[in-house]
C-alpha atoms as a PDB file:
ATOM      1  CA  MET A   1      15.550  21.430  21.845  1.00  0.00           C
ATOM      2  CA  ARG A   2      13.060  22.370  19.172  1.00  0.00           C
ATOM      3  CA  VAL A   3      14.366  21.552  15.698  1.00  0.00           C
ATOM      4  CA  GLY A   4      13.045  23.474  12.737  1.00  0.00           C
ATOM      5  CA  GLY A   5      11.239  26.174  14.706  1.00  0.00           C
ATOM      6  CA  PHE A   6       7.946  24.330  14.900  1.00  0.00           C
ATOM      7  CA  PRO A   7       5.508  26.022  17.263  1.00  0.00           C
ATOM      8  CA  ASP A   8       4.307  24.386  20.438  1.00  0.00           C
ATOM      9  CA  HIS A   9       1.200  22.543  19.154  1.00  0.00           C
ATOM     10  CA  ARG A  10       1.614  19.515  21.407  1.00  0.00           C
ATOM     11  CA  THR A  11      -1.923  18.180  21.017  1.00  0.00           C
ATOM     12  CA  THR A  12      -3.496  19.958  18.072  1.00  0.00           C
ATOM     13  CA  LEU A  13      -3.114  16.927  15.821  1.00  0.00           C
ATOM     14  CA  LYS A  14      -3.375  14.380  18.643  1.00  0.00           C
ATOM     15  CA  ASP A  15      -3.702  10.856  17.278  1.00  0.00           C
ATOM     16  CA  LYS A  16      -4.317  12.083  13.714  1.00  0.00           C
ATOM     17  CA  ARG A  17      -2.592   9.884  11.136  1.00  0.00           C
ATOM     18  CA  ILE A  18      -0.650  12.085   8.736  1.00  0.00           C
ATOM     19  CA  LEU A  19       1.148  10.668   5.707  1.00  0.00           C
ATOM     20  CA  VAL A  20       4.390  12.439   4.796  1.00  0.00           C
ATOM     21  CA  VAL A  21       5.642  12.043   1.219  1.00  0.00           C
ATOM     22  CA  GLU A  22       8.968  13.821   0.761  1.00  0.00           C
ATOM     23  CA  ASP A  23      12.158  12.739  -1.021  1.00  0.00           C
ATOM     24  CA  GLU A  24      14.537  15.147   0.726  1.00  0.00           C
ATOM     25  CA  SER A  25      15.525  13.374   3.938  1.00  0.00           C
ATOM     26  CA  LEU A  26      16.286  16.528   5.944  1.00  0.00           C
ATOM     27  CA  VAL A  27      12.955  18.116   5.010  1.00  0.00           C
ATOM     28  CA  ALA A  28      11.136  14.850   5.787  1.00  0.00           C
ATOM     29  CA  MET A  29      12.835  14.674   9.187  1.00  0.00           C
ATOM     30  CA  LEU A  30      11.873  18.242  10.083  1.00  0.00           C
ATOM     31  CA  VAL A  31       8.274  17.749   8.973  1.00  0.00           C
ATOM     32  CA  GLU A  32       8.057  14.484  10.885  1.00  0.00           C
ATOM     33  CA  GLU A  33       9.406  16.066  14.076  1.00  0.00           C
ATOM     34  CA  GLY A  34       6.972  18.967  13.839  1.00  0.00           C
ATOM     35  CA  LEU A  35       4.034  16.618  13.341  1.00  0.00           C
ATOM     36  CA  LEU A  36       5.097  14.392  16.228  1.00  0.00           C
ATOM     37  CA  ASP A  37       5.403  17.492  18.438  1.00  0.00           C
ATOM     38  CA  ALA A  38       1.828  18.374  17.434  1.00  0.00           C
ATOM     39  CA  GLY A  39       0.657  14.946  18.602  1.00  0.00           C
ATOM     40  CA  ALA A  40       0.237  13.364  15.172  1.00  0.00           C
ATOM     41  CA  LYS A  41       0.940   9.763  14.292  1.00  0.00           C
ATOM     42  CA  VAL A  42       3.270  10.063  11.318  1.00  0.00           C
ATOM     43  CA  VAL A  43       2.935   7.536   8.520  1.00  0.00           C
ATOM     44  CA  GLY A  44       6.160   7.401   6.521  1.00  0.00           C
ATOM     45  CA  PRO A  45       7.923   9.426   5.443  1.00  0.00           C
ATOM     46  CA  ALA A  46       7.765   7.924   1.973  1.00  0.00           C
ATOM     47  CA  ALA A  47      10.440   8.989  -0.500  1.00  0.00           C
ATOM     48  CA  SER A  48       8.837   7.542  -3.656  1.00  0.00           C
ATOM     49  CA  VAL A  49       5.446   7.205  -5.306  1.00  0.00           C
ATOM     50  CA  GLU A  50       5.562   3.433  -4.954  1.00  0.00           C
ATOM     51  CA  GLU A  51       6.392   3.565  -1.246  1.00  0.00           C
ATOM     52  CA  ALA A  52       3.647   6.123  -0.610  1.00  0.00           C
ATOM     53  CA  LEU A  53       1.043   4.000  -2.403  1.00  0.00           C
ATOM     54  CA  ARG A  54       2.059   0.935  -0.372  1.00  0.00           C
ATOM     55  CA  LEU A  55       1.734   2.895   2.877  1.00  0.00           C
ATOM     56  CA  ILE A  56      -1.694   4.232   1.879  1.00  0.00           C
ATOM     57  CA  GLU A  57      -2.994   0.728   1.205  1.00  0.00           C
ATOM     58  CA  TRP A  58      -1.459  -0.649   4.404  1.00  0.00           C
ATOM     59  CA  VAL A  59      -2.936   2.104   6.587  1.00  0.00           C
ATOM     60  CA  ALA A  60      -6.324   1.884   4.803  1.00  0.00           C
ATOM     61  CA  LEU A  61      -6.651  -1.621   6.238  1.00  0.00           C
ATOM     62  CA  ASP A  62      -6.103  -0.257   9.738  1.00  0.00           C
ATOM     63  CA  GLY A  63      -8.352   2.797  10.026  1.00  0.00           C
ATOM     64  CA  GLY A  64      -7.000   5.002   7.263  1.00  0.00           C
ATOM     65  CA  LEU A  65      -5.385   8.430   7.192  1.00  0.00           C
ATOM     66  CA  ASN A  66      -6.591  11.804   8.451  1.00  0.00           C
ATOM     67  CA  ALA A  67      -4.469  13.936   6.087  1.00  0.00           C
ATOM     68  CA  ALA A  68      -1.270  13.980   4.029  1.00  0.00           C
ATOM     69  CA  VAL A  69       1.622  16.246   3.041  1.00  0.00           C
ATOM     70  CA  LEU A  70       2.857  15.620  -0.513  1.00  0.00           C
ATOM     71  CA  ASP A  71       5.957  16.963  -2.207  1.00  0.00           C
ATOM     72  CA  LEU A  72       4.990  17.481  -5.872  1.00  0.00           C
ATOM     73  CA  ASP A  73       8.211  16.043  -7.284  1.00  0.00           C
ATOM     74  CA  LEU A  74       9.838  12.868  -5.937  1.00  0.00           C
ATOM     75  CA  ASN A  75      13.244  12.446  -7.553  1.00  0.00           C
ATOM     76  CA  GLY A  76      11.882  13.624 -10.904  1.00  0.00           C
ATOM     77  CA  LYS A  77       8.623  11.689 -10.677  1.00  0.00           C
ATOM     78  CA  ALA A  78       5.256  13.423 -10.264  1.00  0.00           C
ATOM     79  CA  VAL A  79       3.338  12.589  -7.083  1.00  0.00           C
ATOM     80  CA  SER A  80       0.031  12.604  -9.039  1.00  0.00           C
ATOM     81  CA  PRO A  81      -0.753   8.884  -8.542  1.00  0.00           C
ATOM     82  CA  VAL A  82      -0.515   9.384  -4.777  1.00  0.00           C
ATOM     83  CA  ALA A  83      -2.736  12.475  -4.884  1.00  0.00           C
ATOM     84  CA  ASP A  84      -5.260  10.638  -7.064  1.00  0.00           C
ATOM     85  CA  ARG A  85      -5.380   7.675  -4.657  1.00  0.00           C
ATOM     86  CA  LEU A  86      -5.808   9.902  -1.606  1.00  0.00           C
ATOM     87  CA  ALA A  87      -8.593  11.815  -3.355  1.00  0.00           C
ATOM     88  CA  SER A  88     -10.356   8.563  -4.270  1.00  0.00           C
ATOM     89  CA  LEU A  89     -10.270   7.573  -0.587  1.00  0.00           C
ATOM     90  CA  GLY A  90     -11.501  10.999   0.549  1.00  0.00           C
ATOM     91  CA  VAL A  91      -8.271  11.774   2.413  1.00  0.00           C
ATOM     92  CA  PRO A  92      -7.526  15.511   2.540  1.00  0.00           C
ATOM     93  CA  PHE A  93      -4.017  16.552   1.562  1.00  0.00           C
ATOM     94  CA  LEU A  94      -1.810  19.499   0.733  1.00  0.00           C
ATOM     95  CA  PHE A  95       1.118  19.945  -1.584  1.00  0.00           C
ATOM     96  CA  ALA A  96       4.465  21.203  -0.263  1.00  0.00           C
ATOM     97  CA  THR A  97       6.698  22.219  -3.137  1.00  0.00           C
ATOM     98  CA  GLY A  98       9.714  24.181  -4.187  1.00  0.00           C
ATOM     99  CA  TYR A  99       8.008  25.034  -7.478  1.00  0.00           C
ATOM    100  CA  GLY A 100       6.605  28.516  -7.955  1.00  0.00           C
ATOM    101  CA  GLU A 101       3.083  29.688  -8.592  1.00  0.00           C
ATOM    102  CA  GLY A 102       1.172  27.845 -11.306  1.00  0.00           C
ATOM    103  CA  CYS A 103       2.780  24.463 -10.606  1.00  0.00           C
ATOM    104  CA  ASP A 104       1.013  21.371 -11.926  1.00  0.00           C
ATOM    105  CA  THR A 105      -1.225  19.890  -9.217  1.00  0.00           C
ATOM    106  CA  GLY A 106      -2.771  17.264 -11.445  1.00  0.00           C
ATOM    107  CA  GLY A 107      -6.167  18.964 -11.271  1.00  0.00           C
ATOM    108  CA  HIS A 108      -6.400  18.874  -7.466  1.00  0.00           C
ATOM    109  CA  ALA A 109      -7.651  22.079  -5.866  1.00  0.00           C
ATOM    110  CA  VAL A 110      -5.873  21.721  -2.517  1.00  0.00           C
ATOM    111  CA  PRO A 111      -3.713  24.014  -0.413  1.00  0.00           C
ATOM    112  CA  ILE A 112      -0.158  24.498  -1.657  1.00  0.00           C
ATOM    113  CA  LEU A 113       2.700  25.413   0.640  1.00  0.00           C
ATOM    114  CA  HIS A 114       5.668  26.844  -1.237  1.00  0.00           C
ATOM    115  CA  LYS A 115       9.056  25.945   0.213  1.00  0.00           C
ATOM    116  CA  PRO A 116      10.415  27.363   2.335  1.00  0.00           C
ATOM    117  CA  TYR A 117       7.197  27.652   4.321  1.00  0.00           C
ATOM    118  CA  ALA A 118       6.698  28.613   7.927  1.00  0.00           C
ATOM    119  CA  PRO A 119       6.439  25.494  10.102  1.00  0.00           C
ATOM    120  CA  ASP A 120       3.400  26.992  11.846  1.00  0.00           C
ATOM    121  CA  LEU A 121       1.654  27.254   8.471  1.00  0.00           C
ATOM    122  CA  LEU A 122       2.112  23.520   7.869  1.00  0.00           C
ATOM    123  CA  ILE A 123       0.624  22.600  11.252  1.00  0.00           C
ATOM    124  CA  THR A 124      -2.246  25.094  10.942  1.00  0.00           C
ATOM    125  CA  THR A 125      -3.129  23.907   7.446  1.00  0.00           C
ATOM    126  CA  LEU A 126      -3.036  20.250   8.485  1.00  0.00           C
ATOM    127  CA  GLU A 127      -5.195  21.031  11.534  1.00  0.00           C
ATOM    128  CA  ALA A 128      -7.812  22.530   9.207  1.00  0.00           C
ATOM    129  CA  LEU A 129      -7.623  19.603   6.779  1.00  0.00           C
ATOM    130  CA  ALA A 130      -7.727  16.906   9.470  1.00  0.00           C
ATOM    131  CA  SER A 131     -10.624  18.558  11.297  1.00  0.00           C
ATOM    132  CA  ALA A 132     -12.572  18.852   8.041  1.00  0.00           C
ATOM    133  CA  GLY A 133     -12.694  15.055   7.944  1.00  0.00           C
ATOM    134  CA  PRO A 134     -13.113  12.684   5.021  1.00  0.00           C
ATOM    135  CA  ASP A 135     -13.752  14.093   1.586  1.00  0.00           C
ATOM    136  CA  ALA A 136     -12.018  17.391   2.369  1.00  0.00           C
ATOM    137  CA  GLY A 137      -9.468  16.374  -0.251  1.00  0.00           C
ATOM    138  CA  ALA A 138     -10.014  17.409  -3.840  1.00  0.00           C
ATOM    139  CA  ARG A 139     -11.273  15.077  -6.521  1.00  0.00           C
ATOM    140  CA  PRO A 140      -9.675  15.218  -9.935  1.00  0.00           C
ATOM    141  CA  GLY A 141     -11.833  16.472 -12.762  1.00  0.00           C
ATOM    142  CA  ARG A 142     -13.377  19.576 -14.193  1.00  0.00           C
ATOM    143  CA  ALA A 143     -16.260  21.616 -12.928  1.00  0.00           C
ATOM    144  CA  PRO A 144     -19.089  22.489 -15.355  1.00  0.00           C
ATOM    145  CA  ASP A 145     -17.598  25.961 -15.840  1.00  0.00           C
ATOM    146  CA  GLY A 146     -14.285  24.435 -16.962  1.00  0.00           C
ATOM    147  CA  GLY A 147     -12.510  25.124 -13.674  1.00  0.00           C
ATOM    148  CA  VAL A 148     -10.974  22.437 -11.535  1.00  0.00           C
ATOM    149  CA  ALA A 149     -13.557  20.441  -9.605  1.00  0.00           C
ATOM    150  CA  GLY A 150     -13.118  19.959  -5.877  1.00  0.00           C
ATOM    151  CA  PRO A 151     -13.873  21.611  -2.587  1.00  0.00           C
ATOM    152  CA  ASP A 152     -13.165  25.287  -2.081  1.00  0.00           C
ATOM    153  CA  PRO A 153      -9.838  25.358  -0.235  1.00  0.00           C
ATOM    154  CA  SER A 154     -10.176  29.081   0.553  1.00  0.00           C
ATOM    155  CA  PRO A 155     -11.027  28.650   4.266  1.00  0.00           C
ATOM    156  CA  LEU A 156      -7.677  26.911   4.711  1.00  0.00           C
ATOM    157  CA  PRO A 157      -4.480  28.901   5.194  1.00  0.00           C
ATOM    158  CA  ARG A 158      -2.699  29.589   1.933  1.00  0.00           C
ATOM    159  CA  SER A 159       1.014  29.505   1.442  1.00  0.00           C
ATOM    160  CA  ALA A 160       3.368  32.331   2.112  1.00  0.00           C
ATOM    161  CA  PRO A 161       7.115  32.158   1.864  1.00  0.00           C
ATOM    162  CA  ALA A 162       8.749  32.113   5.300  1.00  0.00           C
ATOM    163  CA  SER A 163      11.948  34.271   6.299  1.00  0.00           C
ATOM    164  CA  GLY A 164      11.189   0.106   7.570  1.00  0.00           C
ATOM    165  CA  ARG A 165       9.036   3.176   7.652  1.00  0.00           C
ATOM    166  CA  ALA A 166       5.798   2.996   9.510  1.00  0.00           C
ATOM    167  CA  GLU A 167       3.535   5.006  11.719  1.00  0.00           C
ATOM    168  CA  ARG A 168       5.340   6.925  14.448  1.00  0.00           C
ATOM    169  CA  ALA A 169       3.738   8.429  17.514  1.00  0.00           C
END
């Protein structure tokens, strides 16, 4: 039985370590299942900023992460410290959020998936991020023209609305 309607991507993320940061347990479970079906090694899910930061440091000692999925708001707390840490390590990431257009990304120019998003869009976006390798994630800061500094996320799929934790493989 395929939960959540995730497409059959059994090996597209094979052995890629993907951090999931999501405070809604049902959403986290569906994301985790889709990533596992795509062959990923799921790190988390983490339901808080503190837990996510601990997981990042733990995994950094053992080969690091390939990409991450971050909910922008974790029980009323901004995920910015997690995004900043991932960016400093060169780990590409995307935001998955229920907030509308113009949400605060803390200066990170990364793909944003607006909930509810199509499961295939999550996998496709993570495939692009993970294959781009280190430093595909945005760095906080401002470009000389005043815009947000960071890589151009335009080649990656953009969002469209759709009608003991440890690594798991």
